[in-house]
N, C-alpha and C. Protein backbone atom coordinates (compact mmCIF):
# COMPACT_ATOMS: atom_id res chain seq x y z
N MET A 1 0.82 -1.20 0.00
CA MET A 1 0.00 0.00 0.00
C MET A 1 0.87 1.26 0.00
N ASN A 2 2.12 1.14 0.44
CA ASN A 2 3.00 2.31 0.40
C ASN A 2 3.12 2.86 -1.02
N ARG A 3 3.23 1.95 -2.00
CA ARG A 3 3.39 2.39 -3.39
C ARG A 3 2.12 3.05 -3.90
N VAL A 4 0.97 2.51 -3.53
CA VAL A 4 -0.31 3.05 -4.01
C VAL A 4 -0.59 4.42 -3.40
N CYS A 5 -0.29 4.58 -2.12
CA CYS A 5 -0.60 5.84 -1.41
C CYS A 5 0.57 6.82 -1.42
N LYS A 6 1.63 6.53 -2.16
CA LYS A 6 2.83 7.35 -2.12
C LYS A 6 2.60 8.86 -2.34
N PRO A 7 1.75 9.27 -3.31
CA PRO A 7 1.57 10.71 -3.51
C PRO A 7 0.99 11.44 -2.30
N TYR A 8 0.33 10.70 -1.41
CA TYR A 8 -0.34 11.32 -0.27
C TYR A 8 0.38 11.06 1.05
N MET A 9 1.47 10.30 1.01
CA MET A 9 2.21 9.99 2.24
C MET A 9 2.75 11.27 2.86
N ASP A 10 2.73 11.32 4.15
CA ASP A 10 3.21 12.46 4.95
C ASP A 10 2.42 13.74 4.71
N LYS A 11 1.31 13.65 3.98
CA LYS A 11 0.40 14.79 3.84
C LYS A 11 -0.83 14.54 4.70
N PHE A 12 -1.53 13.45 4.39
CA PHE A 12 -2.69 13.09 5.21
C PHE A 12 -2.88 11.57 5.31
N VAL A 13 -1.87 10.80 4.91
CA VAL A 13 -1.97 9.34 4.95
C VAL A 13 -0.80 8.75 5.73
N ILE A 14 -1.12 7.81 6.60
CA ILE A 14 -0.11 7.01 7.29
C ILE A 14 -0.44 5.55 6.99
N VAL A 15 0.54 4.79 6.53
CA VAL A 15 0.32 3.39 6.19
C VAL A 15 1.01 2.52 7.22
N PHE A 16 0.24 1.63 7.84
CA PHE A 16 0.78 0.63 8.74
C PHE A 16 0.88 -0.68 7.97
N ILE A 17 1.33 -1.74 8.61
CA ILE A 17 1.48 -3.03 7.94
C ILE A 17 0.17 -3.48 7.31
N ASP A 18 -0.91 -3.42 8.06
CA ASP A 18 -2.19 -3.92 7.54
C ASP A 18 -3.31 -2.90 7.64
N ASP A 19 -2.96 -1.63 7.71
CA ASP A 19 -3.99 -0.61 7.89
C ASP A 19 -3.54 0.71 7.26
N ILE A 20 -4.49 1.52 6.87
CA ILE A 20 -4.21 2.85 6.34
C ILE A 20 -4.96 3.86 7.19
N LEU A 21 -4.26 4.87 7.67
CA LEU A 21 -4.87 5.92 8.49
C LEU A 21 -4.88 7.21 7.67
N ILE A 22 -6.06 7.76 7.49
CA ILE A 22 -6.22 9.03 6.76
C ILE A 22 -6.68 10.06 7.77
N HIS A 23 -5.86 11.09 7.99
CA HIS A 23 -6.20 12.09 9.01
C HIS A 23 -6.44 13.45 8.35
N SER A 24 -7.33 14.21 8.95
CA SER A 24 -7.71 15.52 8.41
C SER A 24 -8.08 16.46 9.55
N LYS A 25 -8.18 17.77 9.22
CA LYS A 25 -8.52 18.76 10.24
C LYS A 25 -10.01 18.79 10.53
N ASP A 26 -10.83 18.63 9.50
CA ASP A 26 -12.28 18.63 9.72
C ASP A 26 -12.95 17.59 8.82
N GLU A 27 -14.26 17.46 8.98
CA GLU A 27 -15.01 16.41 8.28
C GLU A 27 -14.99 16.60 6.76
N LYS A 28 -15.14 17.83 6.31
CA LYS A 28 -15.17 18.10 4.87
C LYS A 28 -13.83 17.76 4.22
N GLU A 29 -12.76 18.17 4.88
CA GLU A 29 -11.43 17.87 4.36
C GLU A 29 -11.18 16.35 4.35
N HIS A 30 -11.68 15.68 5.38
CA HIS A 30 -11.53 14.22 5.47
C HIS A 30 -12.24 13.52 4.31
N GLU A 31 -13.42 14.03 3.96
CA GLU A 31 -14.18 13.48 2.84
C GLU A 31 -13.39 13.63 1.53
N GLU A 32 -12.77 14.79 1.36
CA GLU A 32 -11.97 15.04 0.15
C GLU A 32 -10.76 14.12 0.10
N HIS A 33 -10.13 13.93 1.26
CA HIS A 33 -8.96 13.05 1.32
C HIS A 33 -9.35 11.60 0.99
N LEU A 34 -10.47 11.15 1.53
CA LEU A 34 -10.94 9.79 1.24
C LEU A 34 -11.22 9.61 -0.25
N LYS A 35 -11.86 10.61 -0.85
CA LYS A 35 -12.15 10.54 -2.28
C LYS A 35 -10.87 10.50 -3.10
N ALA A 36 -9.88 11.28 -2.69
CA ALA A 36 -8.61 11.30 -3.42
C ALA A 36 -7.94 9.93 -3.40
N ILE A 37 -8.03 9.24 -2.28
CA ILE A 37 -7.42 7.91 -2.16
C ILE A 37 -8.24 6.86 -2.88
N LEU A 38 -9.54 6.87 -2.68
CA LEU A 38 -10.39 5.77 -3.14
C LEU A 38 -10.96 5.94 -4.54
N ASN A 39 -10.89 7.14 -5.11
CA ASN A 39 -11.51 7.36 -6.42
C ASN A 39 -10.65 6.95 -7.60
N GLU A 40 -9.43 6.53 -7.35
CA GLU A 40 -8.61 6.05 -8.45
C GLU A 40 -9.22 4.76 -8.99
N ASP A 41 -9.34 4.67 -10.30
CA ASP A 41 -9.91 3.46 -10.90
C ASP A 41 -9.02 2.25 -10.65
N PHE A 42 -9.67 1.13 -10.37
CA PHE A 42 -8.95 -0.12 -10.25
C PHE A 42 -8.87 -0.76 -11.62
N ILE A 43 -7.79 -1.47 -11.86
CA ILE A 43 -7.61 -2.20 -13.11
C ILE A 43 -7.40 -3.66 -12.75
N VAL A 44 -8.13 -4.53 -13.43
CA VAL A 44 -8.02 -5.97 -13.19
C VAL A 44 -7.61 -6.64 -14.49
N TYR A 45 -6.55 -7.43 -14.43
CA TYR A 45 -6.14 -8.24 -15.57
C TYR A 45 -6.50 -9.69 -15.26
N CYS A 46 -7.23 -10.34 -16.16
CA CYS A 46 -7.70 -11.72 -15.95
C CYS A 46 -7.24 -12.61 -17.08
N ASP A 47 -7.03 -13.87 -16.75
CA ASP A 47 -6.74 -14.86 -17.78
C ASP A 47 -7.14 -16.23 -17.28
N ALA A 48 -7.46 -17.10 -18.22
CA ALA A 48 -7.79 -18.49 -17.90
C ALA A 48 -7.00 -19.40 -18.83
N SER A 49 -6.64 -20.56 -18.34
CA SER A 49 -5.99 -21.57 -19.16
C SER A 49 -6.64 -22.90 -18.85
N ASN A 50 -6.13 -23.97 -19.46
CA ASN A 50 -6.70 -25.28 -19.16
C ASN A 50 -6.24 -25.81 -17.81
N LYS A 51 -5.40 -25.05 -17.11
CA LYS A 51 -4.93 -25.43 -15.78
C LYS A 51 -5.63 -24.66 -14.66
N GLY A 52 -5.89 -23.35 -14.88
CA GLY A 52 -6.47 -22.56 -13.81
C GLY A 52 -6.86 -21.15 -14.24
N LEU A 53 -7.19 -20.34 -13.23
CA LEU A 53 -7.58 -18.95 -13.43
C LEU A 53 -6.56 -18.06 -12.74
N GLY A 54 -6.26 -16.92 -13.35
CA GLY A 54 -5.32 -15.98 -12.74
C GLY A 54 -5.80 -14.56 -12.92
N ALA A 55 -5.46 -13.71 -11.94
CA ALA A 55 -5.89 -12.30 -12.01
C ALA A 55 -4.92 -11.42 -11.24
N VAL A 56 -4.82 -10.17 -11.67
CA VAL A 56 -3.98 -9.17 -11.01
C VAL A 56 -4.82 -7.93 -10.80
N LEU A 57 -4.80 -7.38 -9.58
CA LEU A 57 -5.52 -6.14 -9.26
C LEU A 57 -4.50 -5.02 -9.16
N MET A 58 -4.75 -3.93 -9.89
CA MET A 58 -3.82 -2.80 -9.90
C MET A 58 -4.56 -1.49 -9.69
N GLN A 59 -3.82 -0.52 -9.17
CA GLN A 59 -4.32 0.85 -9.05
C GLN A 59 -3.14 1.77 -9.25
N ARG A 60 -3.30 2.80 -10.06
CA ARG A 60 -2.22 3.72 -10.41
C ARG A 60 -1.00 2.97 -10.95
N GLU A 61 -1.25 1.94 -11.75
CA GLU A 61 -0.21 1.12 -12.36
C GLU A 61 0.68 0.41 -11.35
N LYS A 62 0.19 0.23 -10.14
CA LYS A 62 0.90 -0.52 -9.10
C LYS A 62 0.08 -1.74 -8.73
N VAL A 63 0.75 -2.86 -8.55
CA VAL A 63 0.05 -4.09 -8.18
C VAL A 63 -0.41 -4.01 -6.74
N ILE A 64 -1.67 -4.33 -6.52
CA ILE A 64 -2.22 -4.40 -5.17
C ILE A 64 -2.30 -5.85 -4.71
N SER A 65 -2.73 -6.72 -5.63
CA SER A 65 -2.91 -8.12 -5.23
C SER A 65 -2.87 -9.05 -6.44
N TYR A 66 -2.41 -10.27 -6.17
CA TYR A 66 -2.45 -11.34 -7.16
C TYR A 66 -3.43 -12.40 -6.67
N ALA A 67 -4.05 -13.12 -7.59
CA ALA A 67 -4.92 -14.25 -7.21
C ALA A 67 -4.88 -15.30 -8.31
N SER A 68 -4.86 -16.55 -7.89
CA SER A 68 -4.94 -17.64 -8.85
C SER A 68 -5.51 -18.86 -8.17
N ARG A 69 -6.07 -19.73 -8.96
CA ARG A 69 -6.54 -21.02 -8.44
C ARG A 69 -6.61 -22.01 -9.58
N GLN A 70 -6.50 -23.28 -9.23
CA GLN A 70 -6.62 -24.32 -10.24
C GLN A 70 -8.09 -24.54 -10.58
N LEU A 71 -8.31 -25.08 -11.75
CA LEU A 71 -9.68 -25.38 -12.17
C LEU A 71 -10.22 -26.57 -11.37
N LYS A 72 -11.49 -26.49 -11.06
CA LYS A 72 -12.15 -27.63 -10.44
C LYS A 72 -12.44 -28.65 -11.55
N ILE A 73 -12.73 -29.87 -11.17
CA ILE A 73 -12.89 -30.95 -12.16
C ILE A 73 -13.97 -30.61 -13.19
N HIS A 74 -15.11 -30.10 -12.74
CA HIS A 74 -16.19 -29.80 -13.69
C HIS A 74 -15.86 -28.59 -14.58
N GLU A 75 -15.00 -27.69 -14.10
CA GLU A 75 -14.64 -26.51 -14.89
C GLU A 75 -13.75 -26.86 -16.08
N LYS A 76 -13.09 -28.01 -16.02
CA LYS A 76 -12.21 -28.41 -17.13
C LYS A 76 -13.02 -28.69 -18.40
N ASN A 77 -14.32 -28.87 -18.26
CA ASN A 77 -15.19 -29.11 -19.41
C ASN A 77 -15.77 -27.82 -19.99
N TYR A 78 -15.52 -26.67 -19.37
CA TYR A 78 -16.07 -25.41 -19.85
C TYR A 78 -15.44 -25.03 -21.19
N THR A 79 -16.19 -24.27 -21.97
CA THR A 79 -15.64 -23.71 -23.21
C THR A 79 -14.65 -22.61 -22.85
N THR A 80 -13.82 -22.22 -23.81
CA THR A 80 -12.84 -21.15 -23.57
C THR A 80 -13.54 -19.87 -23.16
N HIS A 81 -14.64 -19.58 -23.83
CA HIS A 81 -15.41 -18.38 -23.53
C HIS A 81 -15.87 -18.38 -22.06
N ASP A 82 -16.40 -19.51 -21.60
CA ASP A 82 -16.87 -19.60 -20.22
C ASP A 82 -15.71 -19.55 -19.22
N LEU A 83 -14.57 -20.15 -19.57
CA LEU A 83 -13.41 -20.08 -18.68
C LEU A 83 -12.94 -18.64 -18.52
N GLU A 84 -12.86 -17.91 -19.62
CA GLU A 84 -12.41 -16.52 -19.56
C GLU A 84 -13.39 -15.66 -18.76
N LEU A 85 -14.68 -15.88 -18.97
CA LEU A 85 -15.69 -15.16 -18.19
C LEU A 85 -15.61 -15.58 -16.72
N GLY A 86 -15.33 -16.85 -16.49
CA GLY A 86 -15.15 -17.36 -15.12
C GLY A 86 -13.97 -16.69 -14.42
N ALA A 87 -12.91 -16.39 -15.16
CA ALA A 87 -11.75 -15.70 -14.58
C ALA A 87 -12.14 -14.29 -14.15
N VAL A 88 -12.96 -13.62 -14.95
CA VAL A 88 -13.44 -12.27 -14.59
C VAL A 88 -14.29 -12.34 -13.33
N VAL A 89 -15.21 -13.30 -13.28
CA VAL A 89 -16.08 -13.45 -12.12
C VAL A 89 -15.27 -13.81 -10.87
N PHE A 90 -14.27 -14.69 -11.04
CA PHE A 90 -13.38 -15.06 -9.93
C PHE A 90 -12.70 -13.83 -9.35
N ALA A 91 -12.18 -12.96 -10.23
CA ALA A 91 -11.50 -11.75 -9.77
C ALA A 91 -12.46 -10.80 -9.06
N LEU A 92 -13.65 -10.62 -9.62
CA LEU A 92 -14.62 -9.71 -9.00
C LEU A 92 -15.06 -10.22 -7.63
N LYS A 93 -15.24 -11.52 -7.51
CA LYS A 93 -15.66 -12.08 -6.22
C LYS A 93 -14.56 -11.97 -5.18
N ILE A 94 -13.33 -12.26 -5.59
CA ILE A 94 -12.23 -12.30 -4.62
C ILE A 94 -11.86 -10.90 -4.13
N TRP A 95 -12.03 -9.90 -4.98
CA TRP A 95 -11.69 -8.53 -4.61
C TRP A 95 -12.93 -7.65 -4.48
N ARG A 96 -14.02 -8.24 -4.08
CA ARG A 96 -15.29 -7.52 -3.92
C ARG A 96 -15.12 -6.30 -3.02
N HIS A 97 -14.38 -6.45 -1.93
CA HIS A 97 -14.20 -5.34 -0.98
C HIS A 97 -13.47 -4.16 -1.61
N TYR A 98 -12.68 -4.37 -2.64
CA TYR A 98 -12.04 -3.28 -3.36
C TYR A 98 -12.94 -2.73 -4.47
N LEU A 99 -13.59 -3.62 -5.20
CA LEU A 99 -14.23 -3.25 -6.46
C LEU A 99 -15.70 -2.86 -6.37
N TYR A 100 -16.39 -3.32 -5.35
CA TYR A 100 -17.82 -3.04 -5.27
C TYR A 100 -18.04 -1.56 -4.99
N GLY A 101 -18.82 -0.90 -5.82
CA GLY A 101 -19.13 0.51 -5.63
C GLY A 101 -18.12 1.46 -6.24
N THR A 102 -17.07 0.94 -6.85
CA THR A 102 -16.09 1.80 -7.52
C THR A 102 -16.02 1.42 -8.99
N LYS A 103 -15.48 2.32 -9.77
CA LYS A 103 -15.33 2.06 -11.20
C LYS A 103 -14.08 1.23 -11.41
N CYS A 104 -14.18 0.21 -12.24
CA CYS A 104 -13.00 -0.59 -12.54
C CYS A 104 -13.00 -0.99 -14.01
N ILE A 105 -11.81 -1.25 -14.50
CA ILE A 105 -11.64 -1.69 -15.87
C ILE A 105 -11.05 -3.10 -15.82
N VAL A 106 -11.68 -4.02 -16.52
CA VAL A 106 -11.23 -5.41 -16.54
C VAL A 106 -10.64 -5.69 -17.92
N PHE A 107 -9.39 -6.14 -17.93
CA PHE A 107 -8.73 -6.51 -19.18
C PHE A 107 -8.66 -8.02 -19.28
N THR A 108 -9.02 -8.53 -20.44
CA THR A 108 -8.95 -9.97 -20.70
C THR A 108 -8.40 -10.19 -22.10
N ASP A 109 -7.81 -11.36 -22.32
CA ASP A 109 -7.26 -11.64 -23.64
C ASP A 109 -8.26 -12.38 -24.54
N HIS A 110 -9.51 -12.37 -24.15
CA HIS A 110 -10.57 -13.01 -24.94
C HIS A 110 -11.47 -11.91 -25.49
N LYS A 111 -11.31 -11.62 -26.77
CA LYS A 111 -11.94 -10.45 -27.38
C LYS A 111 -13.47 -10.46 -27.31
N SER A 112 -14.09 -11.63 -27.39
CA SER A 112 -15.56 -11.68 -27.44
C SER A 112 -16.20 -11.28 -26.11
N LEU A 113 -15.44 -11.24 -25.02
CA LEU A 113 -16.02 -10.84 -23.73
C LEU A 113 -16.41 -9.37 -23.70
N GLN A 114 -15.82 -8.57 -24.59
CA GLN A 114 -16.21 -7.15 -24.67
C GLN A 114 -17.68 -7.00 -25.00
N HIS A 115 -18.22 -7.96 -25.75
CA HIS A 115 -19.59 -7.88 -26.25
C HIS A 115 -20.52 -8.86 -25.54
N ILE A 116 -20.12 -9.35 -24.39
CA ILE A 116 -20.93 -10.35 -23.68
C ILE A 116 -22.29 -9.80 -23.28
N LEU A 117 -22.35 -8.52 -22.96
CA LEU A 117 -23.62 -7.92 -22.54
C LEU A 117 -24.61 -7.79 -23.69
N ASP A 118 -24.11 -7.80 -24.92
CA ASP A 118 -24.97 -7.66 -26.10
C ASP A 118 -25.52 -8.99 -26.60
N ARG A 119 -24.96 -10.09 -26.13
CA ARG A 119 -25.40 -11.41 -26.62
C ARG A 119 -26.82 -11.72 -26.17
N LYS A 120 -27.56 -12.33 -27.06
CA LYS A 120 -28.95 -12.66 -26.74
C LYS A 120 -29.10 -14.07 -26.20
N GLU A 121 -28.33 -15.00 -26.73
CA GLU A 121 -28.43 -16.39 -26.29
C GLU A 121 -27.32 -16.70 -25.29
N LEU A 122 -27.71 -16.93 -24.07
CA LEU A 122 -26.76 -17.25 -23.01
C LEU A 122 -27.20 -18.51 -22.30
N ASN A 123 -26.24 -19.29 -21.83
CA ASN A 123 -26.62 -20.45 -21.01
C ASN A 123 -26.86 -19.98 -19.57
N MET A 124 -27.31 -20.87 -18.73
CA MET A 124 -27.68 -20.49 -17.35
C MET A 124 -26.48 -19.97 -16.57
N ARG A 125 -25.32 -20.59 -16.78
CA ARG A 125 -24.11 -20.16 -16.08
C ARG A 125 -23.75 -18.73 -16.47
N GLN A 126 -23.77 -18.45 -17.77
CA GLN A 126 -23.46 -17.10 -18.25
C GLN A 126 -24.48 -16.10 -17.74
N HIS A 127 -25.74 -16.49 -17.70
CA HIS A 127 -26.80 -15.62 -17.15
C HIS A 127 -26.49 -15.26 -15.70
N ARG A 128 -26.14 -16.25 -14.91
CA ARG A 128 -25.84 -16.05 -13.49
C ARG A 128 -24.63 -15.13 -13.33
N TRP A 129 -23.60 -15.37 -14.15
CA TRP A 129 -22.39 -14.56 -14.05
C TRP A 129 -22.64 -13.12 -14.51
N LEU A 130 -23.46 -12.94 -15.54
CA LEU A 130 -23.77 -11.59 -16.00
C LEU A 130 -24.59 -10.83 -14.96
N GLU A 131 -25.40 -11.54 -14.23
CA GLU A 131 -26.15 -10.91 -13.13
C GLU A 131 -25.18 -10.40 -12.07
N LEU A 132 -24.15 -11.19 -11.78
CA LEU A 132 -23.13 -10.76 -10.83
C LEU A 132 -22.35 -9.57 -11.39
N LEU A 133 -22.02 -9.61 -12.68
CA LEU A 133 -21.30 -8.50 -13.32
C LEU A 133 -22.09 -7.20 -13.26
N SER A 134 -23.41 -7.30 -13.32
CA SER A 134 -24.24 -6.08 -13.31
C SER A 134 -24.19 -5.37 -11.96
N ASP A 135 -23.75 -6.05 -10.91
CA ASP A 135 -23.61 -5.42 -9.60
C ASP A 135 -22.41 -4.48 -9.54
N TYR A 136 -21.48 -4.63 -10.46
CA TYR A 136 -20.24 -3.86 -10.45
C TYR A 136 -20.25 -2.81 -11.55
N ASP A 137 -19.54 -1.73 -11.31
CA ASP A 137 -19.38 -0.69 -12.32
C ASP A 137 -18.07 -0.96 -13.05
N CYS A 138 -18.10 -1.94 -13.94
CA CYS A 138 -16.86 -2.30 -14.62
C CYS A 138 -17.06 -2.38 -16.13
N GLU A 139 -15.98 -2.09 -16.83
CA GLU A 139 -15.95 -2.20 -18.28
C GLU A 139 -14.98 -3.32 -18.62
N ILE A 140 -15.34 -4.14 -19.60
CA ILE A 140 -14.45 -5.21 -20.03
C ILE A 140 -13.79 -4.80 -21.33
N HIS A 141 -12.45 -4.83 -21.35
CA HIS A 141 -11.68 -4.44 -22.53
C HIS A 141 -10.78 -5.60 -22.95
N TYR A 142 -10.49 -5.62 -24.24
CA TYR A 142 -9.57 -6.63 -24.78
C TYR A 142 -8.14 -6.18 -24.55
N HIS A 143 -7.31 -7.11 -24.13
CA HIS A 143 -5.89 -6.86 -23.92
C HIS A 143 -5.16 -8.07 -24.48
N PRO A 144 -4.32 -7.93 -25.50
CA PRO A 144 -3.69 -9.10 -26.12
C PRO A 144 -2.96 -9.98 -25.11
N GLY A 145 -2.99 -11.28 -25.35
CA GLY A 145 -2.39 -12.24 -24.43
C GLY A 145 -0.91 -12.01 -24.19
N LYS A 146 -0.18 -11.55 -25.23
CA LYS A 146 1.26 -11.31 -25.07
C LYS A 146 1.53 -10.20 -24.07
N ALA A 147 0.62 -9.25 -23.95
CA ALA A 147 0.80 -8.13 -23.02
C ALA A 147 0.25 -8.45 -21.64
N ASN A 148 -0.48 -9.53 -21.53
CA ASN A 148 -1.14 -9.91 -20.27
C ASN A 148 -0.34 -11.02 -19.58
N VAL A 149 0.98 -10.83 -19.46
CA VAL A 149 1.86 -11.92 -19.05
C VAL A 149 1.69 -12.36 -17.60
N VAL A 150 1.43 -11.43 -16.69
CA VAL A 150 1.34 -11.80 -15.27
C VAL A 150 0.11 -12.66 -15.02
N ALA A 151 -1.05 -12.20 -15.46
CA ALA A 151 -2.27 -13.00 -15.27
C ALA A 151 -2.16 -14.33 -16.02
N ASP A 152 -1.51 -14.32 -17.18
CA ASP A 152 -1.32 -15.54 -17.94
C ASP A 152 -0.46 -16.54 -17.17
N ALA A 153 0.61 -16.05 -16.58
CA ALA A 153 1.49 -16.93 -15.79
C ALA A 153 0.76 -17.47 -14.57
N LEU A 154 -0.03 -16.63 -13.91
CA LEU A 154 -0.77 -17.09 -12.73
C LEU A 154 -1.79 -18.16 -13.10
N SER A 155 -2.41 -18.04 -14.26
CA SER A 155 -3.42 -19.03 -14.65
C SER A 155 -2.79 -20.37 -15.00
N ARG A 156 -1.52 -20.38 -15.36
CA ARG A 156 -0.86 -21.63 -15.74
C ARG A 156 -0.09 -22.26 -14.58
N LYS A 157 -0.04 -21.59 -13.47
CA LYS A 157 0.71 -22.09 -12.32
C LYS A 157 0.08 -23.37 -11.78
N GLU A 158 0.90 -24.40 -11.62
CA GLU A 158 0.40 -25.66 -11.08
C GLU A 158 0.81 -25.78 -9.62
N ARG A 159 -0.03 -26.41 -8.87
CA ARG A 159 0.30 -26.67 -7.48
C ARG A 159 0.71 -28.13 -7.37
N GLU A 160 1.83 -28.36 -6.72
CA GLU A 160 2.30 -29.73 -6.52
C GLU A 160 1.46 -30.40 -5.45
N PRO A 161 1.02 -31.62 -5.70
CA PRO A 161 0.27 -32.30 -4.64
C PRO A 161 1.20 -32.65 -3.48
N PRO A 162 0.71 -32.55 -2.26
CA PRO A 162 1.57 -32.85 -1.12
C PRO A 162 1.94 -34.33 -1.08
N LEU A 163 3.15 -34.61 -0.61
CA LEU A 163 3.58 -35.99 -0.45
C LEU A 163 2.83 -36.61 0.71
N ARG A 164 2.44 -37.84 0.54
CA ARG A 164 1.69 -38.51 1.59
C ARG A 164 2.45 -39.74 2.03
N VAL A 165 2.46 -39.99 3.32
CA VAL A 165 3.06 -41.20 3.87
C VAL A 165 1.94 -42.20 4.05
N ARG A 166 2.06 -43.33 3.39
CA ARG A 166 0.98 -44.32 3.48
C ARG A 166 0.99 -45.05 4.81
N ALA A 167 2.16 -45.44 5.28
CA ALA A 167 2.21 -46.19 6.54
C ALA A 167 3.52 -45.86 7.24
N LEU A 168 3.45 -45.72 8.51
CA LEU A 168 4.63 -45.48 9.31
C LEU A 168 4.70 -46.60 10.34
N VAL A 169 5.74 -47.38 10.23
CA VAL A 169 5.88 -48.52 11.12
C VAL A 169 6.95 -48.19 12.15
N MET A 170 6.60 -48.35 13.40
CA MET A 170 7.54 -48.09 14.49
C MET A 170 7.50 -49.29 15.42
N THR A 171 8.65 -49.87 15.62
CA THR A 171 8.72 -51.06 16.47
C THR A 171 9.39 -50.68 17.78
N ILE A 172 8.73 -50.97 18.86
CA ILE A 172 9.30 -50.73 20.18
C ILE A 172 9.70 -52.09 20.75
N GLY A 173 10.99 -52.21 21.04
CA GLY A 173 11.46 -53.49 21.58
C GLY A 173 10.99 -53.70 23.01
N LEU A 174 10.99 -54.94 23.42
CA LEU A 174 10.55 -55.27 24.78
C LEU A 174 11.52 -54.74 25.84
N ASP A 175 12.76 -54.48 25.43
CA ASP A 175 13.75 -54.01 26.40
C ASP A 175 13.79 -52.48 26.52
N LEU A 176 12.94 -51.75 25.80
CA LEU A 176 12.95 -50.28 25.84
C LEU A 176 12.67 -49.72 27.23
N PRO A 177 11.64 -50.18 27.96
CA PRO A 177 11.43 -49.64 29.31
C PRO A 177 12.64 -49.87 30.23
N ARG A 178 13.31 -51.02 30.08
CA ARG A 178 14.49 -51.32 30.91
C ARG A 178 15.62 -50.36 30.55
N LYS A 179 15.81 -50.05 29.25
CA LYS A 179 16.86 -49.13 28.82
C LYS A 179 16.61 -47.72 29.35
N ILE A 180 15.35 -47.29 29.35
CA ILE A 180 15.00 -45.96 29.87
C ILE A 180 15.29 -45.88 31.36
N LEU A 181 14.91 -46.92 32.12
CA LEU A 181 15.15 -46.96 33.57
C LEU A 181 16.64 -46.94 33.87
N ASN A 182 17.45 -47.69 33.11
CA ASN A 182 18.90 -47.70 33.32
C ASN A 182 19.50 -46.31 33.05
N ALA A 183 19.04 -45.63 31.99
CA ALA A 183 19.55 -44.30 31.66
C ALA A 183 19.20 -43.29 32.75
N GLN A 184 17.97 -43.39 33.30
CA GLN A 184 17.56 -42.48 34.38
C GLN A 184 18.38 -42.74 35.64
N THR A 185 18.61 -44.02 35.98
CA THR A 185 19.40 -44.38 37.16
C THR A 185 20.83 -43.86 37.02
N GLU A 186 21.39 -44.02 35.83
CA GLU A 186 22.75 -43.55 35.57
C GLU A 186 22.84 -42.03 35.69
N ALA A 187 21.81 -41.34 35.23
CA ALA A 187 21.81 -39.87 35.28
C ALA A 187 21.69 -39.35 36.70
N ARG A 188 21.07 -40.13 37.59
CA ARG A 188 20.88 -39.69 38.98
C ARG A 188 22.11 -39.92 39.86
N LYS A 189 23.12 -40.61 39.41
CA LYS A 189 24.32 -40.87 40.22
C LYS A 189 25.01 -39.54 40.53
N PRO A 190 25.53 -39.40 41.75
CA PRO A 190 26.14 -38.12 42.18
C PRO A 190 27.27 -37.65 41.26
N GLU A 191 28.04 -38.55 40.71
CA GLU A 191 29.15 -38.11 39.85
C GLU A 191 28.66 -37.54 38.51
N ASN A 192 27.41 -37.85 38.13
CA ASN A 192 26.85 -37.34 36.87
C ASN A 192 26.02 -36.06 37.05
N ILE A 193 25.82 -35.65 38.30
CA ILE A 193 25.01 -34.45 38.56
C ILE A 193 25.92 -33.29 38.90
N LYS A 194 25.74 -32.19 38.20
CA LYS A 194 26.45 -30.96 38.52
C LYS A 194 25.43 -30.00 39.07
N GLU A 195 25.81 -29.20 40.04
CA GLU A 195 24.85 -28.29 40.69
C GLU A 195 24.26 -27.28 39.72
N GLU A 196 25.08 -26.77 38.81
CA GLU A 196 24.56 -25.77 37.89
C GLU A 196 23.60 -26.36 36.86
N ASP A 197 23.69 -27.66 36.62
CA ASP A 197 22.78 -28.29 35.66
C ASP A 197 21.34 -28.30 36.13
N VAL A 198 21.11 -28.48 37.42
CA VAL A 198 19.74 -28.55 37.94
C VAL A 198 19.38 -27.33 38.77
N GLY A 199 20.17 -26.31 38.66
CA GLY A 199 19.85 -25.07 39.36
C GLY A 199 20.03 -25.18 40.87
N GLY A 200 20.87 -26.09 41.35
CA GLY A 200 21.14 -26.22 42.78
C GLY A 200 19.99 -26.80 43.57
N MET A 201 19.09 -27.52 42.91
CA MET A 201 17.94 -28.07 43.63
C MET A 201 18.28 -29.38 44.32
N LEU A 202 19.41 -30.02 44.04
CA LEU A 202 19.78 -31.27 44.71
C LEU A 202 20.78 -31.04 45.81
């Protein structure tokens, strides 16, 4: 957030690790300061691949957040058009607290998404997603895939499955309790005890 709020730092903005403090002399000035910080348009870059969805949230040409996830099993059957629209919906849902109520521009490398609102024949999934899109003040623009490298890389990122141990065999010998008792007895002998080791309690 330091990079995003840099023009206002030491004027009326203080940035902490996870918080932003905007201070002003009176209520009217505070309203103006809030508008100056929050009225900058957000830019979202989205991409989808056959592996996953990726998105980047930016403001004033500075990255605010990255997001990506792998496709669910049923999503692997989606058409390219639906995957790309799904990436836009994924970004809007994940950054709702930033984007809801503000103007944003969404860039995608799928040209037909610019005209999604004009299409007459939509499937139920697209209908549902367009209803969600109508809640936001966003414009969808085409951005060539070669220029959309960060979102493209995030959408192709694979997650390695964790290694699993199938069985762990541990054998405790019958003489283990006897070995423990012998070690404790040996440790209690006066020649093995130093006063500083036990804090002078013996």
